[in-house]
Protein backbone atom coordinates (compact mmCIF):
# COMPACT_ATOMS: atom_id res chain seq x y z
CA UNK A 1 0.00 0.00 0.00
CA UNK A 2 2.97 2.28 0.54
CA UNK A 3 3.81 2.24 -3.18
CA UNK A 4 0.19 3.05 -4.03
CA UNK A 5 0.32 6.02 -1.65
CA UNK A 6 3.55 7.31 -3.18
CA UNK A 7 2.16 6.98 -6.71
CA UNK A 8 -1.04 8.80 -5.72
CA UNK A 9 0.93 11.59 -4.04
CA UNK A 10 2.90 11.95 -7.26
CA UNK A 11 -0.34 12.08 -9.24
CA UNK A 12 -1.74 14.79 -6.97
CA UNK A 13 1.49 16.77 -7.41
CA UNK A 14 1.23 16.43 -11.21
CA UNK A 15 -2.40 17.57 -11.17
CA UNK A 16 -1.29 20.66 -9.29
CA UNK A 17 1.60 21.30 -11.69
CA UNK A 18 -1.02 21.41 -14.43
CA UNK A 19 -3.18 23.76 -12.37
CA UNK A 20 -0.15 26.02 -11.81
CA UNK A 21 0.47 26.17 -15.56
CA UNK A 22 -3.20 26.89 -16.26
CA UNK A 23 -3.41 29.66 -13.68
CA UNK A 24 -0.03 31.27 -14.22
CA UNK A 25 0.67 30.84 -17.94
CA UNK A 26 -2.51 29.84 -19.76
CA UNK A 27 -5.16 31.83 -17.88
CA UNK A 28 -5.95 34.19 -20.78
CA UNK A 29 -5.62 31.57 -23.53
CA UNK A 30 -8.53 29.60 -25.00
CA UNK A 31 -7.32 26.49 -23.08
CA UNK A 32 -7.17 28.33 -19.76
CA UNK A 33 -10.51 30.01 -20.30
CA UNK A 34 -12.13 26.69 -21.24
CA UNK A 35 -10.73 24.99 -18.13
CA UNK A 36 -12.19 27.63 -15.84
CA UNK A 37 -15.21 28.70 -17.91
CA UNK A 38 -14.21 32.35 -18.18
CA UNK A 39 -14.68 34.97 -20.86
CA UNK A 40 -11.75 36.80 -22.45
CA UNK A 41 -12.73 39.96 -20.58
CA UNK A 42 -12.94 38.23 -17.21
CA UNK A 43 -9.67 36.41 -17.81
CA UNK A 44 -7.94 39.70 -18.63
CA UNK A 45 -9.31 41.39 -15.50
CA UNK A 46 -8.40 38.51 -13.18
CA UNK A 47 -5.05 37.38 -14.60
CA UNK A 48 -3.03 38.71 -11.67
CA UNK A 49 -5.35 37.04 -9.17
CA UNK A 50 -5.13 33.75 -11.06
CA UNK A 51 -1.34 33.94 -11.13
CA UNK A 52 -1.33 34.51 -7.37
CA UNK A 53 -3.57 31.48 -6.91
CA UNK A 54 -1.27 29.51 -9.19
CA UNK A 55 1.68 30.43 -7.01
CA UNK A 56 -0.09 29.00 -3.96
CA UNK A 57 -0.80 25.80 -5.89
CA UNK A 58 2.91 25.74 -6.69
CA UNK A 59 3.66 25.71 -2.97
CA UNK A 60 1.41 22.65 -2.63
CA UNK A 61 3.42 20.98 -5.39
CA UNK A 62 6.68 21.90 -3.65
CA UNK A 63 5.52 20.39 -0.35
CA UNK A 64 4.28 17.18 -1.97
CA UNK A 65 7.46 16.77 -4.01
CA UNK A 66 9.60 17.48 -0.94
CA UNK A 67 7.68 14.77 0.92
CA UNK A 68 8.27 12.32 -1.92
CA UNK A 69 11.95 13.12 -2.43
CA UNK A 70 12.88 13.08 1.26
CA UNK A 71 10.51 10.28 2.20
CA UNK A 72 8.88 12.55 4.77
CA UNK A 73 5.60 10.95 5.82
CA UNK A 74 4.69 14.09 7.78
CA UNK A 75 5.18 16.40 4.79
CA UNK A 76 3.09 14.18 2.54
CA UNK A 77 0.26 14.01 5.07
CA UNK A 78 0.33 17.74 5.84
CA UNK A 79 0.29 18.83 2.20
CA UNK A 80 -2.34 16.26 1.24
CA UNK A 81 -4.57 17.59 4.02
CA UNK A 82 -3.96 21.11 2.65
CA UNK A 83 -5.03 19.97 -0.82
CA UNK A 84 -8.15 18.25 0.53
CA UNK A 85 -9.15 21.37 2.49
CA UNK A 86 -8.49 23.64 -0.50
CA UNK A 87 -10.49 21.29 -2.72
CA UNK A 88 -13.44 21.19 -0.32
CA UNK A 89 -13.41 24.97 -0.01
CA UNK A 90 -13.18 25.39 -3.78
CA UNK A 91 -16.01 22.93 -4.33
CA UNK A 92 -18.20 24.79 -1.83
CA UNK A 93 -17.44 28.27 -3.12
CA UNK A 94 -16.48 28.02 -6.80
CA UNK A 95 -17.36 24.76 -8.57
CA UNK A 96 -18.29 21.25 -7.51
CA UNK A 97 -15.92 20.02 -10.21
CA UNK A 98 -13.03 20.98 -7.93
CA UNK A 99 -14.15 18.21 -5.60
CA UNK A 100 -13.43 15.60 -8.27
CA UNK A 101 -10.30 17.21 -9.70
CA UNK A 102 -8.59 18.21 -6.47
CA UNK A 103 -10.15 16.90 -3.26
CA UNK A 104 -10.95 13.30 -4.19
CA UNK A 105 -7.51 12.41 -5.61
CA UNK A 106 -5.84 14.02 -2.58
CA UNK A 107 -8.17 12.19 -0.18
CA UNK A 108 -7.40 8.86 -1.84
CA UNK A 109 -3.68 9.62 -1.67
CA UNK A 110 -4.05 10.59 1.98
CA UNK A 111 -5.84 7.34 2.87
CA UNK A 112 -3.25 5.27 1.00
CA UNK A 113 -0.44 7.20 2.68
CA UNK A 114 -1.91 6.74 6.15
CA UNK A 115 -2.57 3.05 5.60
CA UNK A 116 0.79 2.42 3.95
CA UNK A 117 2.80 4.36 6.47
C-alpha atoms as a PDB file:
ATOM      1  CA  UNK A   1       0.000   0.000   0.000  1.00  0.00           C
ATOM      2  CA  UNK A   2       2.970   2.285   0.541  1.00  0.00           C
ATOM      3  CA  UNK A   3       3.807   2.244  -3.182  1.00  0.00           C
ATOM      4  CA  UNK A   4       0.186   3.053  -4.032  1.00  0.00           C
ATOM      5  CA  UNK A   5       0.323   6.020  -1.655  1.00  0.00           C
ATOM      6  CA  UNK A   6       3.547   7.314  -3.184  1.00  0.00           C
ATOM      7  CA  UNK A   7       2.159   6.982  -6.710  1.00  0.00           C
ATOM      8  CA  UNK A   8      -1.037   8.796  -5.723  1.00  0.00           C
ATOM      9  CA  UNK A   9       0.929  11.593  -4.038  1.00  0.00           C
ATOM     10  CA  UNK A  10       2.901  11.954  -7.261  1.00  0.00           C
ATOM     11  CA  UNK A  11      -0.341  12.078  -9.242  1.00  0.00           C
ATOM     12  CA  UNK A  12      -1.743  14.793  -6.970  1.00  0.00           C
ATOM     13  CA  UNK A  13       1.488  16.768  -7.405  1.00  0.00           C
ATOM     14  CA  UNK A  14       1.228  16.430 -11.208  1.00  0.00           C
ATOM     15  CA  UNK A  15      -2.401  17.569 -11.170  1.00  0.00           C
ATOM     16  CA  UNK A  16      -1.286  20.657  -9.295  1.00  0.00           C
ATOM     17  CA  UNK A  17       1.603  21.297 -11.686  1.00  0.00           C
ATOM     18  CA  UNK A  18      -1.024  21.406 -14.429  1.00  0.00           C
ATOM     19  CA  UNK A  19      -3.176  23.762 -12.366  1.00  0.00           C
ATOM     20  CA  UNK A  20      -0.145  26.024 -11.807  1.00  0.00           C
ATOM     21  CA  UNK A  21       0.467  26.170 -15.558  1.00  0.00           C
ATOM     22  CA  UNK A  22      -3.198  26.892 -16.263  1.00  0.00           C
ATOM     23  CA  UNK A  23      -3.408  29.659 -13.677  1.00  0.00           C
ATOM     24  CA  UNK A  24      -0.027  31.273 -14.223  1.00  0.00           C
ATOM     25  CA  UNK A  25       0.674  30.838 -17.940  1.00  0.00           C
ATOM     26  CA  UNK A  26      -2.510  29.840 -19.756  1.00  0.00           C
ATOM     27  CA  UNK A  27      -5.157  31.829 -17.880  1.00  0.00           C
ATOM     28  CA  UNK A  28      -5.954  34.191 -20.778  1.00  0.00           C
ATOM     29  CA  UNK A  29      -5.622  31.573 -23.531  1.00  0.00           C
ATOM     30  CA  UNK A  30      -8.528  29.605 -24.995  1.00  0.00           C
ATOM     31  CA  UNK A  31      -7.323  26.489 -23.084  1.00  0.00           C
ATOM     32  CA  UNK A  32      -7.167  28.326 -19.763  1.00  0.00           C
ATOM     33  CA  UNK A  33     -10.515  30.013 -20.299  1.00  0.00           C
ATOM     34  CA  UNK A  34     -12.130  26.690 -21.236  1.00  0.00           C
ATOM     35  CA  UNK A  35     -10.728  24.992 -18.128  1.00  0.00           C
ATOM     36  CA  UNK A  36     -12.191  27.633 -15.841  1.00  0.00           C
ATOM     37  CA  UNK A  37     -15.207  28.703 -17.907  1.00  0.00           C
ATOM     38  CA  UNK A  38     -14.208  32.349 -18.179  1.00  0.00           C
ATOM     39  CA  UNK A  39     -14.680  34.975 -20.857  1.00  0.00           C
ATOM     40  CA  UNK A  40     -11.754  36.804 -22.449  1.00  0.00           C
ATOM     41  CA  UNK A  41     -12.727  39.961 -20.577  1.00  0.00           C
ATOM     42  CA  UNK A  42     -12.940  38.232 -17.208  1.00  0.00           C
ATOM     43  CA  UNK A  43      -9.667  36.413 -17.812  1.00  0.00           C
ATOM     44  CA  UNK A  44      -7.944  39.699 -18.633  1.00  0.00           C
ATOM     45  CA  UNK A  45      -9.312  41.386 -15.500  1.00  0.00           C
ATOM     46  CA  UNK A  46      -8.396  38.510 -13.179  1.00  0.00           C
ATOM     47  CA  UNK A  47      -5.045  37.381 -14.603  1.00  0.00           C
ATOM     48  CA  UNK A  48      -3.027  38.708 -11.667  1.00  0.00           C
ATOM     49  CA  UNK A  49      -5.348  37.040  -9.168  1.00  0.00           C
ATOM     50  CA  UNK A  50      -5.134  33.752 -11.061  1.00  0.00           C
ATOM     51  CA  UNK A  51      -1.337  33.936 -11.128  1.00  0.00           C
ATOM     52  CA  UNK A  52      -1.330  34.508  -7.369  1.00  0.00           C
ATOM     53  CA  UNK A  53      -3.569  31.485  -6.908  1.00  0.00           C
ATOM     54  CA  UNK A  54      -1.265  29.507  -9.194  1.00  0.00           C
ATOM     55  CA  UNK A  55       1.678  30.429  -7.011  1.00  0.00           C
ATOM     56  CA  UNK A  56      -0.091  28.996  -3.962  1.00  0.00           C
ATOM     57  CA  UNK A  57      -0.797  25.805  -5.885  1.00  0.00           C
ATOM     58  CA  UNK A  58       2.907  25.737  -6.691  1.00  0.00           C
ATOM     59  CA  UNK A  59       3.659  25.712  -2.974  1.00  0.00           C
ATOM     60  CA  UNK A  60       1.412  22.654  -2.628  1.00  0.00           C
ATOM     61  CA  UNK A  61       3.421  20.976  -5.387  1.00  0.00           C
ATOM     62  CA  UNK A  62       6.678  21.901  -3.646  1.00  0.00           C
ATOM     63  CA  UNK A  63       5.515  20.386  -0.351  1.00  0.00           C
ATOM     64  CA  UNK A  64       4.279  17.183  -1.965  1.00  0.00           C
ATOM     65  CA  UNK A  65       7.461  16.768  -4.007  1.00  0.00           C
ATOM     66  CA  UNK A  66       9.599  17.475  -0.939  1.00  0.00           C
ATOM     67  CA  UNK A  67       7.675  14.767   0.923  1.00  0.00           C
ATOM     68  CA  UNK A  68       8.268  12.324  -1.917  1.00  0.00           C
ATOM     69  CA  UNK A  69      11.951  13.119  -2.427  1.00  0.00           C
ATOM     70  CA  UNK A  70      12.881  13.079   1.255  1.00  0.00           C
ATOM     71  CA  UNK A  71      10.507  10.275   2.195  1.00  0.00           C
ATOM     72  CA  UNK A  72       8.878  12.546   4.774  1.00  0.00           C
ATOM     73  CA  UNK A  73       5.597  10.954   5.819  1.00  0.00           C
ATOM     74  CA  UNK A  74       4.688  14.086   7.776  1.00  0.00           C
ATOM     75  CA  UNK A  75       5.179  16.397   4.793  1.00  0.00           C
ATOM     76  CA  UNK A  76       3.094  14.180   2.542  1.00  0.00           C
ATOM     77  CA  UNK A  77       0.264  14.008   5.071  1.00  0.00           C
ATOM     78  CA  UNK A  78       0.333  17.743   5.842  1.00  0.00           C
ATOM     79  CA  UNK A  79       0.286  18.825   2.205  1.00  0.00           C
ATOM     80  CA  UNK A  80      -2.340  16.263   1.235  1.00  0.00           C
ATOM     81  CA  UNK A  81      -4.569  17.590   4.016  1.00  0.00           C
ATOM     82  CA  UNK A  82      -3.959  21.109   2.654  1.00  0.00           C
ATOM     83  CA  UNK A  83      -5.029  19.968  -0.823  1.00  0.00           C
ATOM     84  CA  UNK A  84      -8.154  18.253   0.529  1.00  0.00           C
ATOM     85  CA  UNK A  85      -9.153  21.368   2.490  1.00  0.00           C
ATOM     86  CA  UNK A  86      -8.493  23.638  -0.500  1.00  0.00           C
ATOM     87  CA  UNK A  87     -10.488  21.285  -2.719  1.00  0.00           C
ATOM     88  CA  UNK A  88     -13.436  21.193  -0.322  1.00  0.00           C
ATOM     89  CA  UNK A  89     -13.413  24.973  -0.009  1.00  0.00           C
ATOM     90  CA  UNK A  90     -13.182  25.394  -3.776  1.00  0.00           C
ATOM     91  CA  UNK A  91     -16.015  22.932  -4.329  1.00  0.00           C
ATOM     92  CA  UNK A  92     -18.198  24.787  -1.826  1.00  0.00           C
ATOM     93  CA  UNK A  93     -17.438  28.271  -3.124  1.00  0.00           C
ATOM     94  CA  UNK A  94     -16.484  28.023  -6.804  1.00  0.00           C
ATOM     95  CA  UNK A  95     -17.358  24.760  -8.571  1.00  0.00           C
ATOM     96  CA  UNK A  96     -18.290  21.251  -7.511  1.00  0.00           C
ATOM     97  CA  UNK A  97     -15.916  20.023 -10.213  1.00  0.00           C
ATOM     98  CA  UNK A  98     -13.027  20.975  -7.925  1.00  0.00           C
ATOM     99  CA  UNK A  99     -14.146  18.213  -5.599  1.00  0.00           C
ATOM    100  CA  UNK A 100     -13.427  15.596  -8.272  1.00  0.00           C
ATOM    101  CA  UNK A 101     -10.305  17.209  -9.701  1.00  0.00           C
ATOM    102  CA  UNK A 102      -8.594  18.208  -6.472  1.00  0.00           C
ATOM    103  CA  UNK A 103     -10.148  16.896  -3.256  1.00  0.00           C
ATOM    104  CA  UNK A 104     -10.954  13.295  -4.190  1.00  0.00           C
ATOM    105  CA  UNK A 105      -7.510  12.414  -5.608  1.00  0.00           C
ATOM    106  CA  UNK A 106      -5.844  14.018  -2.576  1.00  0.00           C
ATOM    107  CA  UNK A 107      -8.175  12.191  -0.177  1.00  0.00           C
ATOM    108  CA  UNK A 108      -7.397   8.861  -1.844  1.00  0.00           C
ATOM    109  CA  UNK A 109      -3.676   9.622  -1.674  1.00  0.00           C
ATOM    110  CA  UNK A 110      -4.055  10.589   1.978  1.00  0.00           C
ATOM    111  CA  UNK A 111      -5.845   7.342   2.865  1.00  0.00           C
ATOM    112  CA  UNK A 112      -3.249   5.268   1.004  1.00  0.00           C
ATOM    113  CA  UNK A 113      -0.441   7.202   2.680  1.00  0.00           C
ATOM    114  CA  UNK A 114      -1.905   6.745   6.146  1.00  0.00           C
ATOM    115  CA  UNK A 115      -2.574   3.048   5.605  1.00  0.00           C
ATOM    116  CA  UNK A 116       0.786   2.421   3.952  1.00  0.00           C
ATOM    117  CA  UNK A 117       2.801   4.361   6.473  1.00  0.00           C
END
